[in-house]
């Protein structure tokens, strides 16, 4: 039996992928990518995300507002909780902190992050966390708001992980998973590869973050969920594990984290 994969984070509602959906799903089937989680980045576009999950049984959805979106309607806890009641919504986010693209007073970003954590605690829907150039504040707020399963939270995943081993360990201590994208396959990503060697398979997810960050050998091209198998192949080689084991473990981890019955 061929290995099966799940893309735990993609944006197939974005125009460049939404225009090619038959081709996208065809490549997923060809590469044994059985499911994908389409991740929300703002509330105005959320209906597109939900529509995909309602139309396609192998697509799930999240609800949330990305930290990079400054001029967009601000979510409330009540609003996120209400939208999360839909059975195709399995996660809260993506949310988190990003001090790389935006500067100045970013307290609004930190408050938005807290709102998402509180909604996650209320619904039991795990968090999808984005952190860039903000790891200390990200971990601090996760701890202060009780995001982790060790504090009664729903836990979640550190998506498209690019931080240090210390950050990974702090997140895993709170019950979070670490998700690796195509970045881990880049020749320049030696530090991240060192982290990936240490993260235990039972704490790993794989993702594309498509349409961005295509893995080798597709770097520079538009990314898509069907390419997630190349992330799994790289991790299997890096960790000297059978590919089937990485595929099965990351698939099991996805269903376990998001409480999806098979």
C-alpha atoms as a PDB file:
ATOM      1  CA  UNK A   1       0.000   0.000   0.000  1.00  0.00           C
ATOM      2  CA  UNK A   2       1.326   3.459  -0.909  1.00  0.00           C
ATOM      3  CA  UNK A   3       2.046   5.990   1.817  1.00  0.00           C
ATOM      4  CA  UNK A   4      -0.718   8.543   2.407  1.00  0.00           C
ATOM      5  CA  UNK A   5      -0.191  12.173   3.341  1.00  0.00           C
ATOM      6  CA  UNK A   6      -2.173  15.101   4.744  1.00  0.00           C
ATOM      7  CA  UNK A   7      -1.438  18.747   4.004  1.00  0.00           C
ATOM      8  CA  UNK A   8      -2.091  20.282   7.409  1.00  0.00           C
ATOM      9  CA  UNK A   9      -1.943  23.905   6.190  1.00  0.00           C
ATOM     10  CA  UNK A  10      -2.773  25.369   2.788  1.00  0.00           C
ATOM     11  CA  UNK A  11      -4.630  28.292   1.223  1.00  0.00           C
ATOM     12  CA  UNK A  12      -6.393  26.756  -1.766  1.00  0.00           C
ATOM     13  CA  UNK A  13      -9.017  29.507  -1.578  1.00  0.00           C
ATOM     14  CA  UNK A  14      -6.393  32.044  -2.700  1.00  0.00           C
ATOM     15  CA  UNK A  15      -7.121  33.092  -6.310  1.00  0.00           C
ATOM     16  CA  UNK A  16      -4.048  31.503  -7.890  1.00  0.00           C
ATOM     17  CA  UNK A  17      -5.057  28.064  -6.563  1.00  0.00           C
ATOM     18  CA  UNK A  18      -8.852  28.470  -6.562  1.00  0.00           C
ATOM     19  CA  UNK A  19      -8.711  28.947 -10.353  1.00  0.00           C
ATOM     20  CA  UNK A  20      -7.060  25.513 -10.729  1.00  0.00           C
ATOM     21  CA  UNK A  21      -9.018  23.372  -8.292  1.00  0.00           C
ATOM     22  CA  UNK A  22      -9.602  20.352 -10.587  1.00  0.00           C
ATOM     23  CA  UNK A  23      -5.872  20.247 -11.313  1.00  0.00           C
ATOM     24  CA  UNK A  24      -5.052  20.753  -7.613  1.00  0.00           C
ATOM     25  CA  UNK A  25      -7.245  17.854  -6.518  1.00  0.00           C
ATOM     26  CA  UNK A  26      -5.926  15.701  -9.359  1.00  0.00           C
ATOM     27  CA  UNK A  27      -2.329  16.209  -8.188  1.00  0.00           C
ATOM     28  CA  UNK A  28      -3.356  15.436  -4.608  1.00  0.00           C
ATOM     29  CA  UNK A  29      -4.891  12.125  -5.708  1.00  0.00           C
ATOM     30  CA  UNK A  30      -1.877  11.299  -7.870  1.00  0.00           C
ATOM     31  CA  UNK A  31       0.468  11.831  -4.905  1.00  0.00           C
ATOM     32  CA  UNK A  32      -1.785  10.159  -2.304  1.00  0.00           C
ATOM     33  CA  UNK A  33      -2.481  13.380  -0.430  1.00  0.00           C
ATOM     34  CA  UNK A  34      -5.793  12.334   1.081  1.00  0.00           C
ATOM     35  CA  UNK A  35      -6.829  15.481   3.001  1.00  0.00           C
ATOM     36  CA  UNK A  36      -6.007  19.174   3.292  1.00  0.00           C
ATOM     37  CA  UNK A  37      -6.753  21.850   5.880  1.00  0.00           C
ATOM     38  CA  UNK A  38      -7.622  25.163   4.204  1.00  0.00           C
ATOM     39  CA  UNK A  39      -6.655  27.896   6.646  1.00  0.00           C
ATOM     40  CA  UNK A  40      -8.462  31.183   7.169  1.00  0.00           C
ATOM     41  CA  UNK A  41      -6.479  34.445   7.183  1.00  0.00           C
ATOM     42  CA  UNK A  42      -9.289  37.020   7.584  1.00  0.00           C
ATOM     43  CA  UNK A  43     -13.023  37.211   8.145  1.00  0.00           C
ATOM     44  CA  UNK A  44     -14.072  38.764   4.789  1.00  0.00           C
ATOM     45  CA  UNK A  45     -12.612  35.772   2.916  1.00  0.00           C
ATOM     46  CA  UNK A  46     -13.708  33.176   5.466  1.00  0.00           C
ATOM     47  CA  UNK A  47     -16.875  32.230   3.482  1.00  0.00           C
ATOM     48  CA  UNK A  48     -14.630  31.051   0.609  1.00  0.00           C
ATOM     49  CA  UNK A  49     -12.670  28.840   3.006  1.00  0.00           C
ATOM     50  CA  UNK A  50     -15.821  27.346   4.492  1.00  0.00           C
ATOM     51  CA  UNK A  51     -17.360  26.829   1.038  1.00  0.00           C
ATOM     52  CA  UNK A  52     -14.442  24.628  -0.012  1.00  0.00           C
ATOM     53  CA  UNK A  53     -14.791  22.511   3.129  1.00  0.00           C
ATOM     54  CA  UNK A  54     -18.523  22.142   2.545  1.00  0.00           C
ATOM     55  CA  UNK A  55     -18.075  21.137  -1.110  1.00  0.00           C
ATOM     56  CA  UNK A  56     -15.163  18.715  -0.772  1.00  0.00           C
ATOM     57  CA  UNK A  57     -15.240  15.988   1.901  1.00  0.00           C
ATOM     58  CA  UNK A  58     -11.439  15.745   2.064  1.00  0.00           C
ATOM     59  CA  UNK A  59     -11.003  19.477   2.792  1.00  0.00           C
ATOM     60  CA  UNK A  60     -11.306  20.883   6.307  1.00  0.00           C
ATOM     61  CA  UNK A  61     -11.343  24.541   7.337  1.00  0.00           C
ATOM     62  CA  UNK A  62     -10.253  26.865  10.137  1.00  0.00           C
ATOM     63  CA  UNK A  63     -11.498  30.278  11.235  1.00  0.00           C
ATOM     64  CA  UNK A  64      -9.241  33.136  12.260  1.00  0.00           C
ATOM     65  CA  UNK A  65      -7.366  36.319  11.365  1.00  0.00           C
ATOM     66  CA  UNK A  66      -3.650  36.242  10.479  1.00  0.00           C
ATOM     67  CA  UNK A  67      -1.367  38.657  12.385  1.00  0.00           C
ATOM     68  CA  UNK A  68      -0.160  40.256   9.120  1.00  0.00           C
ATOM     69  CA  UNK A  69      -3.627  41.599   8.294  1.00  0.00           C
ATOM     70  CA  UNK A  70      -3.682  45.061   9.854  1.00  0.00           C
ATOM     71  CA  UNK A  71      -6.580  46.760   8.053  1.00  0.00           C
ATOM     72  CA  UNK A  72      -9.221  44.070   8.430  1.00  0.00           C
ATOM     73  CA  UNK A  73     -12.240  43.502  10.692  1.00  0.00           C
ATOM     74  CA  UNK A  74     -11.073  42.553  14.174  1.00  0.00           C
ATOM     75  CA  UNK A  75     -12.535  39.269  15.477  1.00  0.00           C
ATOM     76  CA  UNK A  76     -14.152  38.919  18.869  1.00  0.00           C
ATOM     77  CA  UNK A  77     -14.111  35.828  21.051  1.00  0.00           C
ATOM     78  CA  UNK A  78     -17.873  35.473  20.620  1.00  0.00           C
ATOM     79  CA  UNK A  79     -17.625  35.724  16.845  1.00  0.00           C
ATOM     80  CA  UNK A  80     -14.879  33.100  16.586  1.00  0.00           C
ATOM     81  CA  UNK A  81     -16.754  30.777  18.929  1.00  0.00           C
ATOM     82  CA  UNK A  82     -19.944  31.137  16.882  1.00  0.00           C
ATOM     83  CA  UNK A  83     -18.218  30.486  13.537  1.00  0.00           C
ATOM     84  CA  UNK A  84     -16.344  27.518  15.029  1.00  0.00           C
ATOM     85  CA  UNK A  85     -19.600  25.664  15.659  1.00  0.00           C
ATOM     86  CA  UNK A  86     -19.762  24.596  12.019  1.00  0.00           C
ATOM     87  CA  UNK A  87     -18.800  20.892  11.818  1.00  0.00           C
ATOM     88  CA  UNK A  88     -16.268  21.486   9.005  1.00  0.00           C
ATOM     89  CA  UNK A  89     -14.303  23.970  11.138  1.00  0.00           C
ATOM     90  CA  UNK A  90     -11.636  21.994  12.973  1.00  0.00           C
ATOM     91  CA  UNK A  91      -9.205  24.711  14.088  1.00  0.00           C
ATOM     92  CA  UNK A  92      -8.807  28.282  15.344  1.00  0.00           C
ATOM     93  CA  UNK A  93      -6.481  30.504  13.325  1.00  0.00           C
ATOM     94  CA  UNK A  94      -4.163  31.076  11.845  1.00  0.00           C
ATOM     95  CA  UNK A  95      -3.190  33.398  14.604  1.00  0.00           C
ATOM     96  CA  UNK A  96      -0.049  34.488  16.381  1.00  0.00           C
ATOM     97  CA  UNK A  97       2.541  37.242  16.114  1.00  0.00           C
ATOM     98  CA  UNK A  98       4.662  38.552  13.260  1.00  0.00           C
ATOM     99  CA  UNK A  99       7.176  41.301  13.977  1.00  0.00           C
ATOM    100  CA  UNK A 100       9.006  40.744  10.683  1.00  0.00           C
ATOM    101  CA  UNK A 101       6.615  42.442   8.269  1.00  0.00           C
ATOM    102  CA  UNK A 102       5.050  45.025  10.580  1.00  0.00           C
ATOM    103  CA  UNK A 103       6.664  47.522  12.936  1.00  0.00           C
ATOM    104  CA  UNK A 104       5.566  50.115  15.465  1.00  0.00           C
ATOM    105  CA  UNK A 105       3.110  49.531  18.258  1.00  0.00           C
ATOM    106  CA  UNK A 106       1.894  45.979  17.706  1.00  0.00           C
ATOM    107  CA  UNK A 107      -0.188  45.638  20.860  1.00  0.00           C
ATOM    108  CA  UNK A 108      -3.224  45.108  18.601  1.00  0.00           C
ATOM    109  CA  UNK A 109      -1.512  41.991  17.273  1.00  0.00           C
ATOM    110  CA  UNK A 110      -0.932  40.639  20.765  1.00  0.00           C
ATOM    111  CA  UNK A 111      -4.532  41.355  21.759  1.00  0.00           C
ATOM    112  CA  UNK A 112      -5.832  39.616  18.619  1.00  0.00           C
ATOM    113  CA  UNK A 113      -3.699  36.593  19.514  1.00  0.00           C
ATOM    114  CA  UNK A 114      -5.205  36.501  23.003  1.00  0.00           C
ATOM    115  CA  UNK A 115      -8.717  36.649  21.510  1.00  0.00           C
ATOM    116  CA  UNK A 116      -7.984  33.565  19.406  1.00  0.00           C
ATOM    117  CA  UNK A 117      -6.577  31.630  22.360  1.00  0.00           C
ATOM    118  CA  UNK A 118      -9.646  32.445  24.442  1.00  0.00           C
ATOM    119  CA  UNK A 119     -11.918  31.294  21.610  1.00  0.00           C
ATOM    120  CA  UNK A 120      -9.910  28.091  21.274  1.00  0.00           C
ATOM    121  CA  UNK A 121     -10.248  27.389  24.977  1.00  0.00           C
ATOM    122  CA  UNK A 122     -14.016  27.971  24.745  1.00  0.00           C
ATOM    123  CA  UNK A 123     -14.564  25.699  21.740  1.00  0.00           C
ATOM    124  CA  UNK A 124     -11.874  23.069  22.173  1.00  0.00           C
ATOM    125  CA  UNK A 125     -10.756  23.723  18.566  1.00  0.00           C
ATOM    126  CA  UNK A 126      -6.928  23.645  18.450  1.00  0.00           C
ATOM    127  CA  UNK A 127      -4.859  26.679  17.502  1.00  0.00           C
ATOM    128  CA  UNK A 128      -2.863  27.164  14.315  1.00  0.00           C
ATOM    129  CA  UNK A 129      -0.028  29.458  15.372  1.00  0.00           C
ATOM    130  CA  UNK A 130       2.099  31.634  13.107  1.00  0.00           C
ATOM    131  CA  UNK A 131       5.176  33.190  14.699  1.00  0.00           C
ATOM    132  CA  UNK A 132       7.933  35.144  12.986  1.00  0.00           C
ATOM    133  CA  UNK A 133      10.568  37.299  14.707  1.00  0.00           C
ATOM    134  CA  UNK A 134       8.320  37.173  17.776  1.00  0.00           C
ATOM    135  CA  UNK A 135       8.958  33.841  19.446  1.00  0.00           C
ATOM    136  CA  UNK A 136       9.485  35.117  22.998  1.00  0.00           C
ATOM    137  CA  UNK A 137       6.186  37.022  23.053  1.00  0.00           C
ATOM    138  CA  UNK A 138       4.401  34.155  21.275  1.00  0.00           C
ATOM    139  CA  UNK A 139       5.407  31.595  23.901  1.00  0.00           C
ATOM    140  CA  UNK A 140       4.751  34.056  26.741  1.00  0.00           C
ATOM    141  CA  UNK A 141       1.205  34.803  25.602  1.00  0.00           C
ATOM    142  CA  UNK A 142       0.512  31.104  24.976  1.00  0.00           C
ATOM    143  CA  UNK A 143       1.528  30.443  28.578  1.00  0.00           C
ATOM    144  CA  UNK A 144      -0.328  33.434  30.052  1.00  0.00           C
ATOM    145  CA  UNK A 145      -3.575  32.540  28.259  1.00  0.00           C
ATOM    146  CA  UNK A 146      -3.384  28.802  28.940  1.00  0.00           C
ATOM    147  CA  UNK A 147      -3.205  27.745  25.296  1.00  0.00           C
ATOM    148  CA  UNK A 148      -1.581  24.412  26.063  1.00  0.00           C
ATOM    149  CA  UNK A 149      -3.194  21.110  26.907  1.00  0.00           C
ATOM    150  CA  UNK A 150      -1.188  21.240  30.144  1.00  0.00           C
ATOM    151  CA  UNK A 151      -3.276  24.288  31.161  1.00  0.00           C
ATOM    152  CA  UNK A 152      -6.692  23.123  30.022  1.00  0.00           C
ATOM    153  CA  UNK A 153      -6.373  24.583  26.520  1.00  0.00           C
ATOM    154  CA  UNK A 154      -6.958  22.789  23.234  1.00  0.00           C
ATOM    155  CA  UNK A 155      -3.297  22.819  22.185  1.00  0.00           C
ATOM    156  CA  UNK A 156      -2.548  23.129  18.505  1.00  0.00           C
ATOM    157  CA  UNK A 157       0.289  23.384  16.027  1.00  0.00           C
ATOM    158  CA  UNK A 158       3.206  25.738  15.444  1.00  0.00           C
ATOM    159  CA  UNK A 159       2.747  26.014  11.698  1.00  0.00           C
ATOM    160  CA  UNK A 160       5.514  26.478   9.114  1.00  0.00           C
ATOM    161  CA  UNK A 161       8.025  26.218  11.950  1.00  0.00           C
ATOM    162  CA  UNK A 162      11.296  28.142  11.483  1.00  0.00           C
ATOM    163  CA  UNK A 163      12.287  28.889  15.083  1.00  0.00           C
ATOM    164  CA  UNK A 164      14.896  27.421  17.434  1.00  0.00           C
ATOM    165  CA  UNK A 165      14.848  24.097  19.231  1.00  0.00           C
ATOM    166  CA  UNK A 166      14.181  25.966  22.478  1.00  0.00           C
ATOM    167  CA  UNK A 167      10.981  27.417  21.019  1.00  0.00           C
ATOM    168  CA  UNK A 168       9.946  23.997  19.697  1.00  0.00           C
ATOM    169  CA  UNK A 169      10.550  22.422  23.095  1.00  0.00           C
ATOM    170  CA  UNK A 170       8.577  25.151  24.890  1.00  0.00           C
ATOM    171  CA  UNK A 171       5.655  24.590  22.516  1.00  0.00           C
ATOM    172  CA  UNK A 172       5.822  20.807  22.821  1.00  0.00           C
ATOM    173  CA  UNK A 173       5.814  21.131  26.616  1.00  0.00           C
ATOM    174  CA  UNK A 174       2.417  22.794  26.189  1.00  0.00           C
ATOM    175  CA  UNK A 175       1.189  19.882  24.074  1.00  0.00           C
ATOM    176  CA  UNK A 176       1.685  21.559  20.697  1.00  0.00           C
ATOM    177  CA  UNK A 177       2.749  19.895  17.471  1.00  0.00           C
ATOM    178  CA  UNK A 178       5.506  21.215  15.203  1.00  0.00           C
ATOM    179  CA  UNK A 179       4.664  21.470  11.507  1.00  0.00           C
ATOM    180  CA  UNK A 180       7.347  21.517   8.831  1.00  0.00           C
ATOM    181  CA  UNK A 181       6.830  23.112   5.424  1.00  0.00           C
ATOM    182  CA  UNK A 182       8.899  23.125   2.245  1.00  0.00           C
ATOM    183  CA  UNK A 183      11.384  25.421   3.975  1.00  0.00           C
ATOM    184  CA  UNK A 184      12.937  22.408   5.724  1.00  0.00           C
ATOM    185  CA  UNK A 185      13.989  21.041   2.303  1.00  0.00           C
ATOM    186  CA  UNK A 186      15.952  24.177   1.361  1.00  0.00           C
ATOM    187  CA  UNK A 187      19.739  23.803   1.310  1.00  0.00           C
ATOM    188  CA  UNK A 188      20.060  26.997   3.360  1.00  0.00           C
ATOM    189  CA  UNK A 189      17.831  25.683   6.181  1.00  0.00           C
ATOM    190  CA  UNK A 190      20.550  23.891   8.153  1.00  0.00           C
ATOM    191  CA  UNK A 191      19.411  25.242  11.548  1.00  0.00           C
ATOM    192  CA  UNK A 192      15.827  24.192  10.906  1.00  0.00           C
ATOM    193  CA  UNK A 193      16.958  20.765   9.742  1.00  0.00           C
ATOM    194  CA  UNK A 194      18.843  20.370  13.024  1.00  0.00           C
ATOM    195  CA  UNK A 195      15.580  21.108  14.889  1.00  0.00           C
ATOM    196  CA  UNK A 196      13.658  18.644  12.717  1.00  0.00           C
ATOM    197  CA  UNK A 197      16.117  15.883  13.589  1.00  0.00           C
ATOM    198  CA  UNK A 198      15.219  16.305  17.273  1.00  0.00           C
ATOM    199  CA  UNK A 199      11.438  16.774  17.109  1.00  0.00           C
ATOM    200  CA  UNK A 200       9.918  13.328  17.764  1.00  0.00           C
ATOM    201  CA  UNK A 201       7.762  11.848  14.987  1.00  0.00           C
ATOM    202  CA  UNK A 202       4.743  11.751  17.313  1.00  0.00           C
ATOM    203  CA  UNK A 203       4.899  15.572  17.496  1.00  0.00           C
ATOM    204  CA  UNK A 204       5.335  16.328  13.780  1.00  0.00           C
ATOM    205  CA  UNK A 205       2.942  17.519  11.096  1.00  0.00           C
ATOM    206  CA  UNK A 206       3.692  18.304   7.449  1.00  0.00           C
ATOM    207  CA  UNK A 207       2.287  21.136   5.370  1.00  0.00           C
ATOM    208  CA  UNK A 208       2.735  23.170   2.208  1.00  0.00           C
ATOM    209  CA  UNK A 209       1.474  26.642   3.226  1.00  0.00           C
ATOM    210  CA  UNK A 210       0.622  26.761  -0.481  1.00  0.00           C
ATOM    211  CA  UNK A 211       0.660  28.736  -2.679  1.00  0.00           C
ATOM    212  CA  UNK A 212       3.933  29.704  -0.985  1.00  0.00           C
ATOM    213  CA  UNK A 213       7.216  27.965  -0.141  1.00  0.00           C
ATOM    214  CA  UNK A 214       7.263  25.076  -2.613  1.00  0.00           C
ATOM    215  CA  UNK A 215       9.640  22.337  -1.448  1.00  0.00           C
ATOM    216  CA  UNK A 216      12.603  21.090  -3.387  1.00  0.00           C
ATOM    217  CA  UNK A 217      12.609  20.151  -6.264  1.00  0.00           C
ATOM    218  CA  UNK A 218       9.852  22.712  -6.992  1.00  0.00           C
ATOM    219  CA  UNK A 219      11.350  25.688  -5.179  1.00  0.00           C
ATOM    220  CA  UNK A 220      10.433  28.924  -6.933  1.00  0.00           C
ATOM    221  CA  UNK A 221       7.243  27.491  -8.413  1.00  0.00           C
ATOM    222  CA  UNK A 222       3.708  27.944  -7.119  1.00  0.00           C
ATOM    223  CA  UNK A 223       3.164  25.494  -4.288  1.00  0.00           C
ATOM    224  CA  UNK A 224       0.146  23.186  -3.935  1.00  0.00           C
ATOM    225  CA  UNK A 225      -1.051  20.456  -1.532  1.00  0.00           C
ATOM    226  CA  UNK A 226       0.126  17.648  -3.808  1.00  0.00           C
ATOM    227  CA  UNK A 227       3.725  18.642  -3.111  1.00  0.00           C
ATOM    228  CA  UNK A 228       3.517  17.866   0.622  1.00  0.00           C
ATOM    229  CA  UNK A 229       4.853  14.362  -0.022  1.00  0.00           C
ATOM    230  CA  UNK A 230       8.260  15.931  -0.747  1.00  0.00           C
ATOM    231  CA  UNK A 231       8.341  17.395   2.777  1.00  0.00           C
ATOM    232  CA  UNK A 232       7.634  13.928   4.178  1.00  0.00           C
ATOM    233  CA  UNK A 233      10.314  12.355   1.988  1.00  0.00           C
ATOM    234  CA  UNK A 234      12.899  14.894   3.110  1.00  0.00           C
ATOM    235  CA  UNK A 235      12.048  14.400   6.796  1.00  0.00           C
ATOM    236  CA  UNK A 236      12.230  10.620   6.419  1.00  0.00           C
ATOM    237  CA  UNK A 237      15.716  10.889   4.936  1.00  0.00           C
ATOM    238  CA  UNK A 238      16.792  13.494   7.489  1.00  0.00           C
ATOM    239  CA  UNK A 239      15.614  11.429  10.444  1.00  0.00           C
ATOM    240  CA  UNK A 240      16.634   8.104   8.856  1.00  0.00           C
ATOM    241  CA  UNK A 241      13.124   6.707   9.162  1.00  0.00           C
ATOM    242  CA  UNK A 242      11.053   4.705   6.669  1.00  0.00           C
ATOM    243  CA  UNK A 243       8.893   6.997   4.560  1.00  0.00           C
ATOM    244  CA  UNK A 244       5.814   4.915   5.394  1.00  0.00           C
ATOM    245  CA  UNK A 245       6.418   5.576   9.085  1.00  0.00           C
ATOM    246  CA  UNK A 246       6.632   9.360   8.618  1.00  0.00           C
ATOM    247  CA  UNK A 247       3.549   9.353   6.401  1.00  0.00           C
ATOM    248  CA  UNK A 248       1.521   7.246   8.830  1.00  0.00           C
ATOM    249  CA  UNK A 249       2.663   9.112  11.939  1.00  0.00           C
ATOM    250  CA  UNK A 250       1.967  12.580  10.549  1.00  0.00           C
ATOM    251  CA  UNK A 251      -1.427  11.396   9.304  1.00  0.00           C
ATOM    252  CA  UNK A 252      -2.271   9.937  12.729  1.00  0.00           C
ATOM    253  CA  UNK A 253      -1.046  13.129  14.394  1.00  0.00           C
ATOM    254  CA  UNK A 254      -3.353  15.245  12.230  1.00  0.00           C
ATOM    255  CA  UNK A 255      -6.451  13.225  13.082  1.00  0.00           C
ATOM    256  CA  UNK A 256      -5.509  13.081  16.759  1.00  0.00           C
ATOM    257  CA  UNK A 257      -4.799  16.808  17.109  1.00  0.00           C
ATOM    258  CA  UNK A 258      -7.957  17.935  15.345  1.00  0.00           C
ATOM    259  CA  UNK A 259     -10.130  15.220  16.945  1.00  0.00           C
ATOM    260  CA  UNK A 260     -11.321  13.850  13.604  1.00  0.00           C
ATOM    261  CA  UNK A 261     -12.884  10.405  13.524  1.00  0.00           C
ATOM    262  CA  UNK A 262     -11.778   8.091  10.729  1.00  0.00           C
END
